Amino acid sequence: MPNWKWFTTIAASACLSVGGTLWVQQKVLAAPAKAPAFTALDYQEIVQLPNRYAYGIDTCSNNGYDYADVFTPDGVFIDKNSDEGYKQGGRVLARGREQLAALVGGGSKGCKTKMIWVDWSHIMTNHVITPTREGATGRIYLVQLGVKGPGSVERHGGYEDVYVKTAAGWRIQSRTHVRNKAWHNPLWQSPDLN
């Protein structure tokens, strides 16, 4: 093979190689961002939030701050379960650590106020966690023991959560209390979602 043909072949191959590499690099750089990969630890930390929430609300531990601290410092609790909350399409009952602690009878109330759920136990089950680009979302059923007296068991809607990872670990950014049939197939729903 004459030298000029060999040189032309090598030069063409180099151009194609460099051009192909640049094209691949541009495609990789232009790819849309995906939700970050979740580890087993991420899931476990998020699963612990409803558990800590239940203990905090049922016991007013640490003057209500154990409950408040499962939320971000600006976390919010939204009622879309009560008649008024449902009618309004959701109403904020507490925002931020102090209001959240007071919501369960702690904080400025000092756990002296008898809350309606003093003899209740909050049980959260069927937790579904979905990773997002910003963190995660979740849905979880709320079952309560003792609402209608000792031994009673009642489903009391569920929670729609938004979770974010903070320097202190995973926290609830917002929790919305929804009615029992909020996630049912529309054919199974009643107008009030109860």
Foldseek 3Di string as FASTA:
>chain_A
DDPVVVVVVVVVVVVCVVVVVVVVVVVVVPDDDFFDDDDPVQVVLVVVLVVQLQCLLQPCPPQQQSNLVLADQQAWEWECQDPVQVVVVIDTQATGRQSRSVVSCGRVNPVPDDDLCNVKGWDKDPWDWATGNQGIKIKIWTWMAQNVHHPDIDTRAIWIFDWHQDPVGIHTRYIYGHGNQPPPDPVPADPSRD
